[in-house]
Protein backbone atom coordinates (compact mmCIF):
# COMPACT_ATOMS: atom_id res chain seq x y z
CA MET A 1 -3.85 14.72 -15.40
CA SER A 2 -0.92 12.30 -15.30
CA GLU A 3 -1.22 9.24 -13.06
CA SER A 4 0.76 9.30 -9.81
CA TYR A 5 3.66 6.88 -10.01
CA GLU A 6 7.44 6.78 -9.66
CA VAL A 7 9.86 6.07 -12.52
CA SER A 8 12.97 3.96 -11.99
CA ILE A 9 15.77 2.33 -13.97
CA GLY A 10 16.51 -1.38 -14.25
CA VAL A 11 19.91 -2.91 -14.95
CA THR A 12 21.25 -6.45 -14.97
CA THR A 13 24.53 -8.04 -13.97
CA HIS A 14 25.17 -8.85 -17.63
CA MET A 15 25.68 -5.15 -18.41
CA GLY A 16 29.12 -3.58 -18.48
CA VAL A 17 30.61 -1.59 -15.61
CA LYS A 18 30.69 1.66 -17.62
CA ALA A 19 26.97 1.44 -18.39
CA THR A 20 25.85 0.57 -14.86
CA GLY A 21 28.21 3.21 -13.46
CA TRP A 22 26.75 5.92 -15.70
CA ILE A 23 23.23 5.02 -14.61
CA ALA A 24 24.20 5.10 -10.92
CA GLN A 25 25.98 8.43 -11.26
CA ASN A 26 23.15 10.08 -13.20
CA SER A 27 20.11 8.51 -11.53
CA ASP A 28 19.50 11.39 -9.15
CA SER A 29 19.70 14.10 -11.81
CA LEU A 30 17.39 12.10 -14.07
CA GLY A 31 14.82 11.93 -11.29
CA ALA A 32 14.77 8.15 -10.79
CA ARG A 33 13.10 6.74 -7.68
CA SER A 34 15.09 3.49 -7.70
CA ILE A 35 17.69 1.45 -9.52
CA TRP A 36 16.72 -2.23 -9.64
CA ILE A 37 19.47 -4.78 -10.31
CA GLY A 38 18.49 -8.07 -11.91
CA GLU A 39 20.77 -11.05 -11.50
CA ASP A 40 21.59 -12.96 -14.66
CA ILE A 41 22.66 -16.19 -13.00
CA ALA A 42 26.39 -16.87 -13.53
CA LEU A 43 26.71 -14.01 -16.05
CA GLY A 44 28.52 -10.68 -15.87
CA GLN A 45 29.11 -8.70 -12.70
CA GLU A 46 28.69 -10.20 -9.25
CA THR A 47 25.31 -9.11 -7.93
CA PHE A 48 26.24 -7.87 -4.48
CA VAL A 49 29.40 -6.11 -5.69
CA LEU A 50 27.36 -4.31 -8.37
CA THR A 51 24.71 -3.36 -5.81
CA ALA A 52 27.35 -1.98 -3.45
CA ALA A 53 28.99 -0.02 -6.28
CA THR A 54 25.63 1.41 -7.33
CA LEU A 55 24.90 2.54 -3.77
CA LEU A 56 28.32 4.19 -3.52
CA GLN A 57 28.03 5.90 -6.91
CA SER A 58 24.60 7.38 -6.18
CA LYS A 59 23.38 9.69 -3.42
CA LYS A 60 19.60 9.64 -3.03
CA VAL A 61 18.13 6.90 -5.22
CA ARG A 62 16.89 3.65 -3.71
CA VAL A 63 18.89 0.64 -4.90
CA GLY A 64 17.30 -2.78 -4.91
CA THR A 65 18.03 -6.26 -6.14
CA GLY A 66 15.41 -7.31 -8.65
CA ILE A 67 15.73 -10.15 -8.09
CA ILE A 68 18.10 -12.35 -6.14
CA PRO A 69 17.06 -16.00 -6.65
CA VAL A 70 17.04 -17.70 -3.26
CA THR A 71 17.63 -20.95 -5.14
CA VAL A 72 21.27 -20.14 -5.95
CA HIS A 73 22.45 -18.38 -2.77
CA ASN A 74 23.07 -19.57 0.75
CA ILE A 75 20.52 -18.02 3.12
CA SER A 76 23.21 -16.91 5.58
CA THR A 77 25.05 -15.15 2.74
CA LEU A 78 21.83 -13.35 1.79
CA ALA A 79 21.31 -12.23 5.37
CA ARG A 80 24.87 -10.92 5.72
CA ALA A 81 24.78 -9.22 2.33
CA GLY A 82 21.54 -7.47 3.27
CA VAL A 83 23.08 -6.06 6.44
CA THR A 84 26.20 -4.86 4.62
CA LEU A 85 24.27 -3.21 1.78
CA ASP A 86 21.88 -1.55 4.21
CA GLU A 87 24.85 -0.01 6.03
CA ILE A 88 26.56 1.08 2.80
CA GLY A 89 23.39 2.72 1.53
CA ALA A 90 22.37 4.23 4.88
CA GLY A 91 18.88 2.75 4.51
CA ARG A 92 18.57 3.11 0.72
CA PHE A 93 18.79 -0.63 0.03
CA ALA A 94 15.78 -2.82 -0.79
CA PHE A 95 16.09 -6.60 -1.00
CA GLY A 96 14.28 -8.10 -3.99
CA LEU A 97 13.92 -11.88 -3.76
CA GLY A 98 12.43 -14.61 -5.89
CA ILE A 99 12.81 -18.19 -7.01
CA GLY A 100 14.35 -17.42 -10.41
CA GLY A 101 13.36 -17.56 -14.06
CA ILE A 102 12.19 -20.75 -15.73
CA GLN A 103 14.93 -20.77 -18.36
CA ASP A 104 17.73 -20.15 -15.85
CA LEU A 105 16.55 -22.79 -13.41
CA GLU A 106 16.22 -25.39 -16.16
CA LYS A 107 19.59 -24.45 -17.64
CA TYR A 108 21.38 -25.08 -14.36
CA GLY A 109 19.34 -28.11 -13.36
CA ILE A 110 17.74 -26.40 -10.37
CA HIS A 111 14.46 -27.91 -9.21
CA VAL A 112 12.33 -26.63 -6.35
CA ASN A 113 9.52 -28.89 -5.19
CA LYS A 114 7.69 -26.30 -3.08
CA PRO A 115 8.65 -22.83 -4.35
CA VAL A 116 6.01 -20.93 -2.35
CA THR A 117 7.11 -22.61 0.87
CA GLU A 118 10.77 -21.99 0.05
CA LEU A 119 10.23 -18.29 -0.57
CA ARG A 120 8.02 -17.86 2.50
CA GLN A 121 10.63 -19.55 4.72
CA SER A 122 13.43 -17.45 3.22
CA VAL A 123 11.61 -14.21 4.00
CA ARG A 124 10.80 -15.37 7.54
CA ILE A 125 14.38 -16.39 8.24
CA LEU A 126 15.89 -13.18 6.87
CA ARG A 127 13.59 -11.02 8.96
CA ARG A 128 14.27 -13.04 12.11
CA LEU A 129 18.04 -12.85 11.58
CA TRP A 130 17.84 -9.09 10.94
CA ALA A 131 15.79 -8.82 14.15
CA GLY A 132 18.78 -10.25 16.03
CA GLU A 133 17.56 -13.81 16.63
CA THR A 134 19.70 -16.95 16.74
CA LEU A 135 18.18 -19.67 14.59
CA ASP A 136 18.06 -23.40 14.08
CA SER A 137 16.08 -23.84 10.90
CA SER A 138 16.06 -25.88 7.70
CA GLY A 139 14.25 -25.94 4.37
CA GLU A 140 14.41 -27.63 1.01
CA ARG A 141 17.62 -25.82 0.09
CA PHE A 142 19.12 -24.53 3.35
CA ALA A 143 19.99 -25.41 6.93
CA LEU A 144 21.03 -23.13 9.80
CA HIS A 145 22.35 -24.35 13.14
CA ASP A 146 22.70 -21.93 16.06
CA PHE A 147 23.28 -19.11 13.57
CA SER A 148 23.04 -15.38 14.20
CA LEU A 149 24.41 -12.22 12.62
CA GLY A 150 25.77 -10.93 15.90
CA LYS A 151 23.95 -7.62 15.53
CA PRO A 152 22.65 -6.11 18.79
CA ASN A 153 20.11 -3.80 17.16
CA PRO A 154 17.27 -4.84 14.82
CA ILE A 155 17.67 -3.96 11.13
CA ASN A 156 14.67 -3.10 8.98
CA ILE A 157 15.33 -3.93 5.32
CA PRO A 158 12.31 -3.80 2.98
CA ILE A 159 11.70 -7.05 1.10
CA PHE A 160 10.24 -7.08 -2.41
CA LEU A 161 9.18 -10.34 -4.02
CA GLY A 162 9.62 -10.86 -7.75
CA VAL A 163 6.80 -13.33 -8.43
CA ARG A 164 4.18 -14.28 -11.02
CA GLY A 165 1.92 -17.25 -10.21
CA PRO A 166 -1.29 -16.76 -8.19
CA LYS A 167 0.03 -18.47 -5.04
CA MET A 168 3.21 -16.40 -5.15
CA LEU A 169 1.28 -13.18 -5.75
CA LYS A 170 -0.94 -13.90 -2.74
CA LEU A 171 2.19 -14.59 -0.66
CA ALA A 172 3.59 -11.20 -1.66
CA GLY A 173 0.36 -9.49 -0.67
CA LYS A 174 0.46 -11.13 2.74
CA ILE A 175 4.11 -10.72 3.74
CA ALA A 176 6.12 -8.46 1.41
CA ASP A 177 6.85 -4.74 1.52
CA GLY A 178 6.60 -4.68 -2.25
CA VAL A 179 6.17 -6.84 -5.32
CA ILE A 180 8.06 -6.71 -8.62
CA LEU A 181 5.77 -7.60 -11.50
CA SER A 182 6.45 -8.31 -15.15
CA GLY A 183 4.10 -9.25 -17.96
CA PRO A 184 1.45 -7.96 -20.36
CA PHE A 185 -1.18 -5.43 -19.24
CA ASP A 186 -4.02 -7.94 -18.81
CA TYR A 187 -1.83 -10.05 -16.56
CA LEU A 188 -0.60 -7.05 -14.57
CA GLN A 189 -4.17 -5.99 -13.89
CA HIS A 190 -4.97 -9.49 -12.62
CA ALA A 191 -1.75 -9.69 -10.58
CA ILE A 192 -2.22 -6.35 -8.82
CA LYS A 193 -5.77 -7.30 -7.90
CA LEU A 194 -4.56 -10.58 -6.36
CA VAL A 195 -1.85 -8.80 -4.37
CA ASP A 196 -4.29 -6.16 -3.09
CA GLU A 197 -6.89 -8.75 -2.08
CA ALA A 198 -4.30 -10.88 -0.28
CA ALA A 199 -2.99 -7.84 1.60
CA GLU A 200 -6.47 -6.91 2.81
CA GLN A 201 -7.23 -10.51 3.79
CA ALA A 202 -4.06 -10.45 5.92
CA GLY A 203 -5.29 -7.33 7.73
CA ARG A 204 -3.09 -4.96 5.77
CA SER A 205 -3.90 -2.05 3.50
CA LYS A 206 -3.29 -2.57 -0.21
CA ASP A 207 -1.11 0.55 0.01
CA ASP A 208 1.23 -1.32 2.36
CA VAL A 209 2.57 -3.23 -0.67
CA GLU A 210 4.42 -1.28 -3.35
CA LYS A 211 3.76 -2.51 -6.90
CA VAL A 212 6.81 -2.19 -9.12
CA VAL A 213 6.21 -2.99 -12.79
CA TRP A 214 9.32 -4.01 -14.71
CA VAL A 215 8.56 -4.82 -18.33
CA PRO A 216 11.22 -4.67 -21.09
CA THR A 217 11.29 -1.06 -22.28
CA ILE A 218 12.60 -0.61 -25.80
CA PRO A 219 13.01 3.01 -26.95
CA THR A 220 13.13 2.43 -30.68
CA PHE A 221 13.08 6.22 -31.21
CA LYS A 222 16.77 6.39 -30.25
CA GLY A 223 18.40 3.86 -32.51
CA ILE A 224 17.76 0.57 -30.81
CA GLN A 225 17.49 -2.10 -33.47
CA GLU A 226 14.15 -3.80 -33.87
CA LYS A 227 15.82 -7.21 -33.94
CA VAL A 228 17.13 -6.53 -30.42
CA ALA A 229 13.59 -5.81 -29.28
CA ARG A 230 12.26 -9.01 -30.85
CA ARG A 231 15.04 -11.08 -29.30
CA VAL A 232 14.24 -9.71 -25.85
CA VAL A 233 10.53 -10.43 -26.28
CA ALA A 234 11.28 -13.97 -27.48
CA LEU A 235 13.19 -14.60 -24.25
CA VAL A 236 10.42 -13.04 -22.16
CA ILE A 237 7.81 -15.25 -23.84
CA ALA A 238 9.95 -18.35 -23.28
CA ASP A 239 10.17 -17.49 -19.58
CA THR A 240 6.44 -16.78 -19.14
CA PRO A 241 4.53 -19.50 -17.24
CA ASP A 242 1.39 -21.07 -18.69
CA ALA A 243 -0.65 -19.55 -15.87
CA VAL A 244 0.20 -16.08 -17.21
CA LEU A 245 -0.29 -16.96 -20.87
CA ASP A 246 -3.72 -18.38 -20.08
CA LEU A 247 -4.87 -14.89 -19.11
CA LEU A 248 -3.93 -13.39 -22.48
CA ALA A 249 -5.67 -13.17 -25.82
CA VAL A 250 -2.64 -14.25 -27.83
CA ASP A 251 -1.96 -16.76 -30.59
CA ARG A 252 -0.89 -19.70 -28.44
CA GLU A 253 0.37 -21.64 -31.42
CA LYS A 254 2.79 -18.85 -32.26
CA VAL A 255 3.75 -18.40 -28.61
CA ASP A 256 4.44 -22.11 -28.22
CA GLN A 257 6.55 -22.04 -31.38
CA ILE A 258 8.65 -19.24 -29.90
CA ARG A 259 9.06 -21.06 -26.59
CA GLU A 260 10.10 -24.29 -28.29
CA THR A 261 12.56 -22.49 -30.56
CA VAL A 262 14.20 -20.60 -27.70
CA ALA A 263 14.49 -23.79 -25.64
CA ALA A 264 15.95 -25.78 -28.53
CA SER A 265 18.16 -23.06 -29.99
CA SER A 266 18.34 -19.45 -28.79
CA PRO A 267 16.36 -16.19 -28.37
CA ASN A 268 17.87 -15.04 -31.68
CA GLU A 269 16.13 -17.88 -33.49
CA GLY A 270 12.90 -17.35 -31.57
CA ALA A 271 12.90 -13.66 -32.49
CA GLU A 272 11.96 -14.57 -36.07
CA TYR A 273 8.47 -15.50 -34.86
CA VAL A 274 7.85 -12.35 -32.79
CA ASP A 275 5.42 -10.14 -34.70
CA ASP A 276 4.39 -6.54 -33.98
CA GLU A 277 1.41 -7.60 -31.87
CA LEU A 278 3.53 -9.76 -29.56
CA LEU A 279 6.16 -7.01 -29.40
CA ASP A 280 3.57 -4.54 -28.10
CA ILE A 281 1.99 -7.04 -25.69
CA PHE A 282 5.22 -8.14 -24.01
CA SER A 283 7.20 -4.88 -24.02
CA MET A 284 6.90 -1.12 -23.83
CA SER A 285 8.46 0.15 -27.02
CA GLY A 286 8.23 2.89 -29.62
CA THR A 287 8.34 6.66 -29.14
CA LYS A 288 8.83 8.30 -25.76
CA GLU A 289 5.23 9.53 -25.90
CA HIS A 290 3.89 6.04 -26.50
CA MET A 291 6.08 4.57 -23.79
CA VAL A 292 4.95 7.12 -21.20
CA ASP A 293 1.34 6.49 -22.27
CA ARG A 294 1.94 2.85 -21.34
CA PHE A 295 3.51 3.87 -18.01
CA GLU A 296 0.38 5.85 -17.17
CA LYS A 297 -1.83 2.95 -18.20
CA VAL A 298 -0.19 0.54 -15.74
CA ALA A 299 -0.25 3.24 -13.05
CA SER A 300 -4.02 3.51 -13.57
CA ILE A 301 -4.45 -0.11 -12.39
CA GLY A 302 -2.39 0.34 -9.25
CA ALA A 303 1.29 0.26 -10.16
CA THR A 304 3.26 2.58 -7.90
CA GLU A 305 6.53 2.42 -9.83
CA VAL A 306 7.53 1.73 -13.43
CA VAL A 307 11.03 0.56 -14.35
CA ILE A 308 12.80 1.61 -17.57
CA GLY A 309 15.18 -0.86 -19.20
CA PRO A 310 16.89 -3.00 -20.13
CA PRO A 311 17.75 -3.56 -22.95
CA PHE A 312 20.06 -0.60 -23.46
CA SER A 313 21.40 -0.05 -26.96
CA GLY A 314 21.48 2.70 -29.53
CA ASP A 315 21.65 6.15 -27.91
CA TRP A 316 20.15 4.83 -24.69
CA ARG A 317 21.57 7.55 -22.45
CA GLU A 318 19.77 10.27 -24.39
CA ALA A 319 16.68 8.05 -24.52
CA LEU A 320 16.61 7.93 -20.71
CA VAL A 321 16.96 11.71 -20.52
CA GLU A 322 14.08 12.23 -22.96
CA ILE A 323 11.76 9.68 -21.32
CA PHE A 324 12.21 11.20 -17.87
CA ALA A 325 11.71 14.66 -19.40
CA GLU A 326 8.46 13.48 -21.03
CA VAL A 327 7.20 12.21 -17.66
CA ASP A 328 8.12 15.52 -15.99
CA SER A 329 6.48 17.60 -18.74
CA ARG A 330 3.16 15.81 -18.23
CA ARG A 331 3.36 16.57 -14.52
CA GLY A 332 4.20 20.21 -15.10
CA VAL A 333 7.70 19.83 -13.71
CA PRO A 334 10.06 22.43 -15.25
């Protein structure tokens, strides 16, 4: 019997309008639970505009940011954007927050001394503003003085945290409505356990926290070039913290070589060192059957939702159709 989990689609701001529009317009017919929108800092479409367009172009699917780095946005802008998107989507919007990827933060010279504190404060402030409070509050990267949204009625917007380290995972278990996870299977198993334990320690049920797994999905059965897959994995490896790598049985010398090459040059150069083993560890690729096998494997350890994509290349539209059909066939859905 197939594991119980939802299947969603992930896009990024770096994708073109035609591609993201097609996904939004076809998400309901495909059977997607959500569309998650990742922000590539300073690249491509503007995050909140893309999220609004996706909500308007779809009818039933949940649309979430996955993630918005609190390090590059004003907290009052985040609060106002959340209210607007919630209204546009009539309750279909989910706010995914995080600190941001290692490579992006380093590229733009962004340094956060206390990331756990920063994220905790951001969540607290957003919820208080959405509850209708007027705030005087400050943190490492923000300050509010006698600020309110001017909304008479409380607004309930679910908050998902895109996090990886143990302290961040425990924070998500304690305060978030959901967590967005990315990484190899061994890490995901460890991460879900930490989130569940933290939720129960905070007096919650582990089922109170949705676990969304978003790993690069690479359907090589529909024309995507293998070099694209290896480039994506090289970037993922470069952005993976040591705390995650320490949990894996991987060739650290090779991994460090990839990280150094990406930092010094580009993911294209780092891709040369990505072998088949690393490709399978850090992505879900291959045939639709193999990919859905992997979906079911992560569902077996507690994932409630699995996200397909990106990258999108080759005949990716037909690949999405076939992957969703494979999931449905295993569930006996006609």
